[in-house]
Amino acid sequence: MQTHAAKRVEIIIEAPMQNRLTDALTRAGVTGYTVLPVLGGSGRSGDWTREGQVGRAGMVAVVCLIRPERLETLLDAAFAVVERHIGVVSVVDCEVLRAERF
């Protein structure tokens, strides 16, 4: 089975910023992403969890698989949202099946 090079971008951001981020990605031409709840973690400020938080508080992970040539446009859109808020952006090389979907 043939695989194709792609980039996997994961953006962890405060949940209230999710719509602003996904709107920016859509305007940048990103055609698909997955949003996952982040249950807890540890960072510069120490450990944290969603336990006891009210409403949309907490963090989400937005995961995108894209063609390598589209990476810079996605990162520009993501950074415009993340730069003023708590958030982490990571990029890894990956392989996908059915490249026409990306």
PDB file of N, CA and C in Angstrom:
ATOM      1  N   MET A   1       0.847  -1.174   0.000  1.00  0.00           N
ATOM      2  CA  MET A   1       0.000   0.000   0.000  1.00  0.00           C
ATOM      3  C   MET A   1       0.894   1.239   0.000  1.00  0.00           C
ATOM      4  N   GLN A   2       0.552   2.210  -0.817  1.00  0.00           N
ATOM      5  CA  GLN A   2       1.364   3.416  -0.944  1.00  0.00           C
ATOM      6  C   GLN A   2       0.958   4.456   0.098  1.00  0.00           C
ATOM      7  N   THR A   3       1.975   5.083   0.699  1.00  0.00           N
ATOM      8  CA  THR A   3       1.728   6.182   1.627  1.00  0.00           C
ATOM      9  C   THR A   3       2.283   7.472   1.031  1.00  0.00           C
ATOM     10  N   HIS A   4       1.840   8.593   1.587  1.00  0.00           N
ATOM     11  CA  HIS A   4       2.222   9.904   1.074  1.00  0.00           C
ATOM     12  C   HIS A   4       2.656  10.791   2.234  1.00  0.00           C
ATOM     13  N   ALA A   5       3.678  11.594   1.999  1.00  0.00           N
ATOM     14  CA  ALA A   5       4.188  12.494   3.041  1.00  0.00           C
ATOM     15  C   ALA A   5       3.152  13.549   3.402  1.00  0.00           C
ATOM     16  N   ALA A   6       3.032  13.815   4.689  1.00  0.00           N
ATOM     17  CA  ALA A   6       2.120  14.843   5.195  1.00  0.00           C
ATOM     18  C   ALA A   6       2.722  15.439   6.460  1.00  0.00           C
ATOM     19  N   LYS A   7       2.082  16.452   6.973  1.00  0.00           N
ATOM     20  CA  LYS A   7       2.457  17.074   8.240  1.00  0.00           C
ATOM     21  C   LYS A   7       1.283  16.927   9.197  1.00  0.00           C
ATOM     22  N   ARG A   8       1.598  16.576  10.433  1.00  0.00           N
ATOM     23  CA  ARG A   8       0.583  16.513  11.487  1.00  0.00           C
ATOM     24  C   ARG A   8       0.848  17.687  12.413  1.00  0.00           C
ATOM     25  N   VAL A   9      -0.123  18.581  12.491  1.00  0.00           N
ATOM     26  CA  VAL A   9      -0.005  19.775  13.315  1.00  0.00           C
ATOM     27  C   VAL A   9      -0.978  19.625  14.472  1.00  0.00           C
ATOM     28  N   GLU A  10      -0.473  19.782  15.685  1.00  0.00           N
ATOM     29  CA  GLU A  10      -1.314  19.730  16.874  1.00  0.00           C
ATOM     30  C   GLU A  10      -1.202  21.061  17.597  1.00  0.00           C
ATOM     31  N   ILE A  11      -2.360  21.662  17.847  1.00  0.00           N
ATOM     32  CA  ILE A  11      -2.415  22.954  18.505  1.00  0.00           C
ATOM     33  C   ILE A  11      -3.216  22.776  19.789  1.00  0.00           C
ATOM     34  N   ILE A  12      -2.571  22.983  20.917  1.00  0.00           N
ATOM     35  CA  ILE A  12      -3.255  22.913  22.205  1.00  0.00           C
ATOM     36  C   ILE A  12      -3.503  24.347  22.648  1.00  0.00           C
ATOM     37  N   ILE A  13      -4.768  24.660  22.886  1.00  0.00           N
ATOM     38  CA  ILE A  13      -5.149  26.040  23.184  1.00  0.00           C
ATOM     39  C   ILE A  13      -6.291  26.042  24.195  1.00  0.00           C
ATOM     40  N   GLU A  14      -6.483  27.167  24.847  1.00  0.00           N
ATOM     41  CA  GLU A  14      -7.583  27.310  25.798  1.00  0.00           C
ATOM     42  C   GLU A  14      -8.911  27.078  25.075  1.00  0.00           C
ATOM     43  N   ALA A  15      -9.789  26.301  25.689  1.00  0.00           N
ATOM     44  CA  ALA A  15     -11.055  25.927  25.054  1.00  0.00           C
ATOM     45  C   ALA A  15     -11.878  27.125  24.572  1.00  0.00           C
ATOM     46  N   PRO A  16     -11.946  28.223  25.313  1.00  0.00           N
ATOM     47  CA  PRO A  16     -12.736  29.358  24.807  1.00  0.00           C
ATOM     48  C   PRO A  16     -12.204  29.944  23.493  1.00  0.00           C
ATOM     49  N   MET A  17     -10.963  29.650  23.135  1.00  0.00           N
ATOM     50  CA  MET A  17     -10.363  30.151  21.896  1.00  0.00           C
ATOM     51  C   MET A  17     -10.546  29.191  20.722  1.00  0.00           C
ATOM     52  N   GLN A  18     -11.189  28.061  20.946  1.00  0.00           N
ATOM     53  CA  GLN A  18     -11.326  27.037  19.902  1.00  0.00           C
ATOM     54  C   GLN A  18     -11.964  27.586  18.628  1.00  0.00           C
ATOM     55  N   ASN A  19     -13.083  28.271  18.746  1.00  0.00           N
ATOM     56  CA  ASN A  19     -13.760  28.763  17.538  1.00  0.00           C
ATOM     57  C   ASN A  19     -12.919  29.785  16.793  1.00  0.00           C
ATOM     58  N   ARG A  20     -12.233  30.644  17.520  1.00  0.00           N
ATOM     59  CA  ARG A  20     -11.371  31.625  16.853  1.00  0.00           C
ATOM     60  C   ARG A  20     -10.267  30.915  16.066  1.00  0.00           C
ATOM     61  N   LEU A  21      -9.701  29.867  16.660  1.00  0.00           N
ATOM     62  CA  LEU A  21      -8.651  29.112  15.984  1.00  0.00           C
ATOM     63  C   LEU A  21      -9.198  28.370  14.767  1.00  0.00           C
ATOM     64  N   THR A  22     -10.273  27.629  14.933  1.00  0.00           N
ATOM     65  CA  THR A  22     -10.790  26.845  13.796  1.00  0.00           C
ATOM     66  C   THR A  22     -11.301  27.759  12.685  1.00  0.00           C
ATOM     67  N   ASP A  23     -11.853  28.919  13.022  1.00  0.00           N
ATOM     68  CA  ASP A  23     -12.246  29.882  11.985  1.00  0.00           C
ATOM     69  C   ASP A  23     -11.028  30.375  11.213  1.00  0.00           C
ATOM     70  N   ALA A  24      -9.937  30.657  11.920  1.00  0.00           N
ATOM     71  CA  ALA A  24      -8.701  31.110  11.262  1.00  0.00           C
ATOM     72  C   ALA A  24      -8.140  30.026  10.356  1.00  0.00           C
ATOM     73  N   LEU A  25      -8.185  28.778  10.815  1.00  0.00           N
ATOM     74  CA  LEU A  25      -7.702  27.667   9.981  1.00  0.00           C
ATOM     75  C   LEU A  25      -8.549  27.521   8.724  1.00  0.00           C
ATOM     76  N   THR A  26      -9.854  27.630   8.870  1.00  0.00           N
ATOM     77  CA  THR A  26     -10.755  27.525   7.715  1.00  0.00           C
ATOM     78  C   THR A  26     -10.475  28.645   6.716  1.00  0.00           C
ATOM     79  N   ARG A  27     -10.302  29.877   7.201  1.00  0.00           N
ATOM     80  CA  ARG A  27      -9.974  30.997   6.304  1.00  0.00           C
ATOM     81  C   ARG A  27      -8.642  30.776   5.595  1.00  0.00           C
ATOM     82  N   ALA A  28      -7.723  30.042   6.235  1.00  0.00           N
ATOM     83  CA  ALA A  28      -6.407  29.760   5.647  1.00  0.00           C
ATOM     84  C   ALA A  28      -6.464  28.591   4.658  1.00  0.00           C
ATOM     85  N   GLY A  29      -7.645  28.000   4.479  1.00  0.00           N
ATOM     86  CA  GLY A  29      -7.789  26.924   3.506  1.00  0.00           C
ATOM     87  C   GLY A  29      -7.639  25.524   4.066  1.00  0.00           C
ATOM     88  N   VAL A  30      -7.572  25.391   5.384  1.00  0.00           N
ATOM     89  CA  VAL A  30      -7.502  24.065   5.998  1.00  0.00           C
ATOM     90  C   VAL A  30      -8.877  23.421   5.850  1.00  0.00           C
ATOM     91  N   THR A  31      -8.914  22.242   5.243  1.00  0.00           N
ATOM     92  CA  THR A  31     -10.206  21.617   4.934  1.00  0.00           C
ATOM     93  C   THR A  31     -10.658  20.608   5.977  1.00  0.00           C
ATOM     94  N   GLY A  32      -9.818  20.301   6.942  1.00  0.00           N
ATOM     95  CA  GLY A  32     -10.231  19.359   7.961  1.00  0.00           C
ATOM     96  C   GLY A  32      -9.354  19.437   9.190  1.00  0.00           C
ATOM     97  N   TYR A  33      -9.956  19.139  10.320  1.00  0.00           N
ATOM     98  CA  TYR A  33      -9.247  19.102  11.593  1.00  0.00           C
ATOM     99  C   TYR A  33     -10.099  18.305  12.568  1.00  0.00           C
ATOM    100  N   THR A  34      -9.494  17.904  13.654  1.00  0.00           N
ATOM    101  CA  THR A  34     -10.187  17.195  14.724  1.00  0.00           C
ATOM    102  C   THR A  34      -9.943  17.956  16.018  1.00  0.00           C
ATOM    103  N   VAL A  35     -10.990  18.135  16.817  1.00  0.00           N
ATOM    104  CA  VAL A  35     -10.877  18.815  18.100  1.00  0.00           C
ATOM    105  C   VAL A  35     -11.082  17.780  19.206  1.00  0.00           C
ATOM    106  N   LEU A  36     -10.118  17.717  20.116  1.00  0.00           N
ATOM    107  CA  LEU A  36     -10.161  16.759  21.218  1.00  0.00           C
ATOM    108  C   LEU A  36     -10.064  17.493  22.552  1.00  0.00           C
ATOM    109  N   PRO A  37     -10.794  17.026  23.570  1.00  0.00           N
ATOM    110  CA  PRO A  37     -10.640  17.642  24.887  1.00  0.00           C
ATOM    111  C   PRO A  37      -9.294  17.247  25.490  1.00  0.00           C
ATOM    112  N   VAL A  38      -8.685  18.173  26.195  1.00  0.00           N
ATOM    113  CA  VAL A  38      -7.461  17.890  26.931  1.00  0.00           C
ATOM    114  C   VAL A  38      -7.850  17.805  28.401  1.00  0.00           C
ATOM    115  N   LEU A  39      -7.594  16.665  29.017  1.00  0.00           N
ATOM    116  CA  LEU A  39      -8.062  16.410  30.369  1.00  0.00           C
ATOM    117  C   LEU A  39      -7.149  16.968  31.452  1.00  0.00           C
ATOM    118  N   GLY A  40      -5.900  17.186  31.122  1.00  0.00           N
ATOM    119  CA  GLY A  40      -4.957  17.710  32.096  1.00  0.00           C
ATOM    120  C   GLY A  40      -3.559  17.656  31.532  1.00  0.00           C
ATOM    121  N   GLY A  41      -2.605  18.102  32.339  1.00  0.00           N
ATOM    122  CA  GLY A  41      -1.229  18.076  31.890  1.00  0.00           C
ATOM    123  C   GLY A  41      -0.324  18.769  32.885  1.00  0.00           C
ATOM    124  N   SER A  42       0.841  19.104  32.401  1.00  0.00           N
ATOM    125  CA  SER A  42       1.812  19.802  33.212  1.00  0.00           C
ATOM    126  C   SER A  42       2.592  20.745  32.312  1.00  0.00           C
ATOM    127  N   GLY A  43       2.855  21.930  32.799  1.00  0.00           N
ATOM    128  CA  GLY A  43       3.590  22.922  32.024  1.00  0.00           C
ATOM    129  C   GLY A  43       4.434  23.784  32.922  1.00  0.00           C
ATOM    130  N   ARG A  44       4.786  24.971  32.438  1.00  0.00           N
ATOM    131  CA  ARG A  44       5.627  25.883  33.216  1.00  0.00           C
ATOM    132  C   ARG A  44       5.031  26.233  34.563  1.00  0.00           C
ATOM    133  N   SER A  45       3.700  26.252  34.640  1.00  0.00           N
ATOM    134  CA  SER A  45       3.029  26.612  35.895  1.00  0.00           C
ATOM    135  C   SER A  45       2.723  25.410  36.771  1.00  0.00           C
ATOM    136  N   GLY A  46       3.142  24.226  36.345  1.00  0.00           N
ATOM    137  CA  GLY A  46       2.900  23.023  37.125  1.00  0.00           C
ATOM    138  C   GLY A  46       1.752  22.188  36.581  1.00  0.00           C
ATOM    139  N   ASP A  47       1.290  21.243  37.376  1.00  0.00           N
ATOM    140  CA  ASP A  47       0.223  20.335  36.969  1.00  0.00           C
ATOM    141  C   ASP A  47      -1.128  21.052  36.953  1.00  0.00           C
ATOM    142  N   TRP A  48      -2.022  20.576  36.078  1.00  0.00           N
ATOM    143  CA  TRP A  48      -3.384  21.098  36.039  1.00  0.00           C
ATOM    144  C   TRP A  48      -4.316  20.014  35.522  1.00  0.00           C
ATOM    145  N   THR A  49      -5.598  20.122  35.857  1.00  0.00           N
ATOM    146  CA  THR A  49      -6.630  19.221  35.345  1.00  0.00           C
ATOM    147  C   THR A  49      -7.892  20.024  35.078  1.00  0.00           C
ATOM    148  N   ARG A  50      -8.824  19.446  34.345  1.00  0.00           N
ATOM    149  CA  ARG A  50     -10.117  20.090  34.090  1.00  0.00           C
ATOM    150  C   ARG A  50     -11.065  19.929  35.272  1.00  0.00           C
ATOM    151  N   GLU A  51     -10.716  19.059  36.181  1.00  0.00           N
ATOM    152  CA  GLU A  51     -11.596  18.761  37.307  1.00  0.00           C
ATOM    153  C   GLU A  51     -11.973  20.034  38.050  1.00  0.00           C
ATOM    154  N   GLY A  52     -13.273  20.216  38.264  1.00  0.00           N
ATOM    155  CA  GLY A  52     -13.757  21.358  39.017  1.00  0.00           C
ATOM    156  C   GLY A  52     -13.911  22.633  38.211  1.00  0.00           C
ATOM    157  N   GLN A  53     -13.562  22.614  36.922  1.00  0.00           N
ATOM    158  CA  GLN A  53     -13.713  23.812  36.109  1.00  0.00           C
ATOM    159  C   GLN A  53     -15.135  23.888  35.565  1.00  0.00           C
ATOM    160  N   VAL A  54     -15.619  25.090  35.404  1.00  0.00           N
ATOM    161  CA  VAL A  54     -16.993  25.317  34.974  1.00  0.00           C
ATOM    162  C   VAL A  54     -17.016  25.712  33.497  1.00  0.00           C
ATOM    163  N   GLY A  55     -18.031  25.247  32.779  1.00  0.00           N
ATOM    164  CA  GLY A  55     -18.233  25.657  31.396  1.00  0.00           C
ATOM    165  C   GLY A  55     -17.163  25.142  30.460  1.00  0.00           C
ATOM    166  N   ARG A  56     -16.715  26.011  29.555  1.00  0.00           N
ATOM    167  CA  ARG A  56     -15.758  25.625  28.528  1.00  0.00           C
ATOM    168  C   ARG A  56     -14.309  25.822  28.975  1.00  0.00           C
ATOM    169  N   ALA A  57     -14.104  26.035  30.243  1.00  0.00           N
ATOM    170  CA  ALA A  57     -12.742  26.234  30.735  1.00  0.00           C
ATOM    171  C   ALA A  57     -11.920  24.990  30.429  1.00  0.00           C
ATOM    172  N   GLY A  58     -10.638  25.143  30.426  1.00  0.00           N
ATOM    173  CA  GLY A  58      -9.751  24.033  30.128  1.00  0.00           C
ATOM    174  C   GLY A  58      -9.080  24.230  28.783  1.00  0.00           C
ATOM    175  N   MET A  59      -8.583  23.137  28.234  1.00  0.00           N
ATOM    176  CA  MET A  59      -7.827  23.178  26.987  1.00  0.00           C
ATOM    177  C   MET A  59      -8.418  22.196  25.992  1.00  0.00           C
ATOM    178  N   VAL A  60      -8.156  22.448  24.704  1.00  0.00           N
ATOM    179  CA  VAL A  60      -8.504  21.509  23.642  1.00  0.00           C
ATOM    180  C   VAL A  60      -7.282  21.323  22.762  1.00  0.00           C
ATOM    181  N   ALA A  61      -7.245  20.192  22.063  1.00  0.00           N
ATOM    182  CA  ALA A  61      -6.204  19.935  21.065  1.00  0.00           C
ATOM    183  C   ALA A  61      -6.875  19.918  19.699  1.00  0.00           C
ATOM    184  N   VAL A  62      -6.378  20.733  18.789  1.00  0.00           N
ATOM    185  CA  VAL A  62      -6.861  20.762  17.415  1.00  0.00           C
ATOM    186  C   VAL A  62      -5.782  20.104  16.562  1.00  0.00           C
ATOM    187  N   VAL A  63      -6.140  19.003  15.901  1.00  0.00           N
ATOM    188  CA  VAL A  63      -5.180  18.212  15.131  1.00  0.00           C
ATOM    189  C   VAL A  63      -5.520  18.322  13.654  1.00  0.00           C
ATOM    190  N   CYS A  64      -4.509  18.644  12.840  1.00  0.00           N
ATOM    191  CA  CYS A  64      -4.676  18.769  11.394  1.00  0.00           C
ATOM    192  C   CYS A  64      -3.641  17.890  10.686  1.00  0.00           C
ATOM    193  N   LEU A  65      -4.048  17.249   9.611  1.00  0.00           N
ATOM    194  CA  LEU A  65      -3.131  16.555   8.715  1.00  0.00           C
ATOM    195  C   LEU A  65      -3.178  17.293   7.387  1.00  0.00           C
ATOM    196  N   ILE A  66      -2.024  17.776   6.931  1.00  0.00           N
ATOM    197  CA  ILE A  66      -2.007  18.581   5.711  1.00  0.00           C
ATOM    198  C   ILE A  66      -0.830  18.210   4.826  1.00  0.00           C
ATOM    199  N   ARG A  67      -0.896  18.654   3.601  1.00  0.00           N
ATOM    200  CA  ARG A  67       0.232  18.498   2.673  1.00  0.00           C
ATOM    201  C   ARG A  67       1.366  19.426   3.112  1.00  0.00           C
ATOM    202  N   PRO A  68       2.601  18.977   2.968  1.00  0.00           N
ATOM    203  CA  PRO A  68       3.737  19.794   3.424  1.00  0.00           C
ATOM    204  C   PRO A  68       3.769  21.200   2.839  1.00  0.00           C
ATOM    205  N   GLU A  69       3.372  21.363   1.603  1.00  0.00           N
ATOM    206  CA  GLU A  69       3.438  22.685   0.970  1.00  0.00           C
ATOM    207  C   GLU A  69       2.412  23.673   1.548  1.00  0.00           C
ATOM    208  N   ARG A  70       1.478  23.207   2.341  1.00  0.00           N
ATOM    209  CA  ARG A  70       0.467  24.074   2.949  1.00  0.00           C
ATOM    210  C   ARG A  70       0.787  24.417   4.403  1.00  0.00           C
ATOM    211  N   LEU A  71       1.891  23.890   4.900  1.00  0.00           N
ATOM    212  CA  LEU A  71       2.229  24.055   6.322  1.00  0.00           C
ATOM    213  C   LEU A  71       2.381  25.516   6.722  1.00  0.00           C
ATOM    214  N   GLU A  72       3.122  26.286   5.973  1.00  0.00           N
ATOM    215  CA  GLU A  72       3.417  27.670   6.370  1.00  0.00           C
ATOM    216  C   GLU A  72       2.141  28.500   6.514  1.00  0.00           C
ATOM    217  N   THR A  73       1.190  28.310   5.605  1.00  0.00           N
ATOM    218  CA  THR A  73      -0.076  29.038   5.678  1.00  0.00           C
ATOM    219  C   THR A  73      -0.837  28.667   6.941  1.00  0.00           C
ATOM    220  N   LEU A  74      -0.874  27.377   7.272  1.00  0.00           N
ATOM    221  CA  LEU A  74      -1.553  26.924   8.492  1.00  0.00           C
ATOM    222  C   LEU A  74      -0.876  27.518   9.725  1.00  0.00           C
ATOM    223  N   LEU A  75       0.449  27.463   9.773  1.00  0.00           N
ATOM    224  CA  LEU A  75       1.162  27.976  10.944  1.00  0.00           C
ATOM    225  C   LEU A  75       0.958  29.471  11.133  1.00  0.00           C
ATOM    226  N   ASP A  76       0.928  30.227  10.042  1.00  0.00           N
ATOM    227  CA  ASP A  76       0.672  31.667  10.145  1.00  0.00           C
ATOM    228  C   ASP A  76      -0.700  31.930  10.755  1.00  0.00           C
ATOM    229  N   ALA A  77      -1.709  31.188  10.306  1.00  0.00           N
ATOM    230  CA  ALA A  77      -3.067  31.356  10.828  1.00  0.00           C
ATOM    231  C   ALA A  77      -3.136  30.963  12.295  1.00  0.00           C
ATOM    232  N   ALA A  78      -2.511  29.853  12.649  1.00  0.00           N
ATOM    233  CA  ALA A  78      -2.532  29.384  14.039  1.00  0.00           C
ATOM    234  C   ALA A  78      -1.788  30.351  14.944  1.00  0.00           C
ATOM    235  N   PHE A  79      -0.639  30.814  14.511  1.00  0.00           N
ATOM    236  CA  PHE A  79       0.157  31.701  15.362  1.00  0.00           C
ATOM    237  C   PHE A  79      -0.560  33.018  15.627  1.00  0.00           C
ATOM    238  N   ALA A  80      -1.319  33.500  14.657  1.00  0.00           N
ATOM    239  CA  ALA A  80      -2.060  34.747  14.849  1.00  0.00           C
ATOM    240  C   ALA A  80      -3.041  34.637  16.018  1.00  0.00           C
ATOM    241  N   VAL A  81      -3.528  33.429  16.304  1.00  0.00           N
ATOM    242  CA  VAL A  81      -4.445  33.213  17.426  1.00  0.00           C
ATOM    243  C   VAL A  81      -3.676  32.853  18.695  1.00  0.00           C
ATOM    244  N   VAL A  82      -2.710  31.969  18.576  1.00  0.00           N
ATOM    245  CA  VAL A  82      -2.014  31.423  19.745  1.00  0.00           C
ATOM    246  C   VAL A  82      -1.066  32.428  20.395  1.00  0.00           C
ATOM    247  N   GLU A  83      -0.512  33.344  19.638  1.00  0.00           N
ATOM    248  CA  GLU A  83       0.539  34.214  20.178  1.00  0.00           C
ATOM    249  C   GLU A  83       0.116  35.022  21.395  1.00  0.00           C
ATOM    250  N   ARG A  84      -1.172  35.302  21.549  1.00  0.00           N
ATOM    251  CA  ARG A  84      -1.632  36.119  22.678  1.00  0.00           C
ATOM    252  C   ARG A  84      -2.308  35.295  23.768  1.00  0.00           C
ATOM    253  N   HIS A  85      -2.267  33.977  23.646  1.00  0.00           N
ATOM    254  CA  HIS A  85      -2.978  33.118  24.590  1.00  0.00           C
ATOM    255  C   HIS A  85      -2.088  31.941  24.983  1.00  0.00           C
ATOM    256  N   ILE A  86      -2.530  31.210  25.989  1.00  0.00           N
ATOM    257  CA  ILE A  86      -1.840  29.984  26.354  1.00  0.00           C
ATOM    258  C   ILE A  86      -2.019  29.009  25.200  1.00  0.00           C
ATOM    259  N   GLY A  87      -0.940  28.409  24.747  1.00  0.00           N
ATOM    260  CA  GLY A  87      -1.059  27.447  23.657  1.00  0.00           C
ATOM    261  C   GLY A  87       0.273  26.896  23.234  1.00  0.00           C
ATOM    262  N   VAL A  88       0.226  25.724  22.648  1.00  0.00           N
ATOM    263  CA  VAL A  88       1.417  25.049  22.149  1.00  0.00           C
ATOM    264  C   VAL A  88       1.108  24.533  20.749  1.00  0.00           C
ATOM    265  N   VAL A  89       2.048  24.724  19.826  1.00  0.00           N
ATOM    266  CA  VAL A  89       1.892  24.224  18.461  1.00  0.00           C
ATOM    267  C   VAL A  89       3.042  23.275  18.184  1.00  0.00           C
ATOM    268  N   SER A  90       2.718  22.068  17.717  1.00  0.00           N
ATOM    269  CA  SER A  90       3.772  21.125  17.340  1.00  0.00           C
ATOM    270  C   SER A  90       3.510  20.620  15.929  1.00  0.00           C
ATOM    271  N   VAL A  91       4.606  20.283  15.240  1.00  0.00           N
ATOM    272  CA  VAL A  91       4.531  19.795  13.871  1.00  0.00           C
ATOM    273  C   VAL A  91       5.405  18.550  13.767  1.00  0.00           C
ATOM    274  N   VAL A  92       4.857  17.490  13.208  1.00  0.00           N
ATOM    275  CA  VAL A  92       5.642  16.279  12.975  1.00  0.00           C
ATOM    276  C   VAL A  92       5.394  15.782  11.556  1.00  0.00           C
ATOM    277  N   ASP A  93       6.402  15.129  11.010  1.00  0.00           N
ATOM    278  CA  ASP A  93       6.251  14.469   9.718  1.00  0.00           C
ATOM    279  C   ASP A  93       5.441  13.199   9.916  1.00  0.00           C
ATOM    280  N   CYS A  94       4.576  12.897   8.954  1.00  0.00           N
ATOM    281  CA  CYS A  94       3.808  11.660   9.026  1.00  0.00           C
ATOM    282  C   CYS A  94       3.545  11.153   7.617  1.00  0.00           C
ATOM    283  N   GLU A  95       2.971   9.987   7.532  1.00  0.00           N
ATOM    284  CA  GLU A  95       2.578   9.374   6.267  1.00  0.00           C
ATOM    285  C   GLU A  95       1.082   9.131   6.309  1.00  0.00           C
ATOM    286  N   VAL A  96       0.393   9.374   5.192  1.00  0.00           N
ATOM    287  CA  VAL A  96      -1.044   9.144   5.132  1.00  0.00           C
ATOM    288  C   VAL A  96      -1.377   8.262   3.944  1.00  0.00           C
ATOM    289  N   LEU A  97      -2.487   7.582   4.034  1.00  0.00           N
ATOM    290  CA  LEU A  97      -3.093   6.885   2.917  1.00  0.00           C
ATOM    291  C   LEU A  97      -4.097   7.841   2.276  1.00  0.00           C
ATOM    292  N   ARG A  98      -4.453   7.625   1.050  1.00  0.00           N
ATOM    293  CA  ARG A  98      -5.466   8.456   0.370  1.00  0.00           C
ATOM    294  C   ARG A  98      -5.108   9.940   0.416  1.00  0.00           C
ATOM    295  N   ALA A  99      -3.993  10.296  -0.174  1.00  0.00           N
ATOM    296  CA  ALA A  99      -3.490  11.672  -0.145  1.00  0.00           C
ATOM    297  C   ALA A  99      -4.497  12.682  -0.717  1.00  0.00           C
ATOM    298  N   GLU A 100      -5.397  12.228  -1.564  1.00  0.00           N
ATOM    299  CA  GLU A 100      -6.372  13.153  -2.166  1.00  0.00           C
ATOM    300  C   GLU A 100      -7.298  13.771  -1.122  1.00  0.00           C
ATOM    301  N   ARG A 101      -7.331  13.206   0.072  1.00  0.00           N
ATOM    302  CA  ARG A 101      -8.177  13.755   1.138  1.00  0.00           C
ATOM    303  C   ARG A 101      -7.513  14.916   1.863  1.00  0.00           C
ATOM    304  N   PHE A 102      -6.262  15.181   1.579  1.00  0.00           N
ATOM    305  CA  PHE A 102      -5.537  16.224   2.275  1.00  0.00           C
ATOM    306  C   PHE A 102      -5.081  17.294   1.320  1.00  0.00           C
TER     307      PHE A 102
END
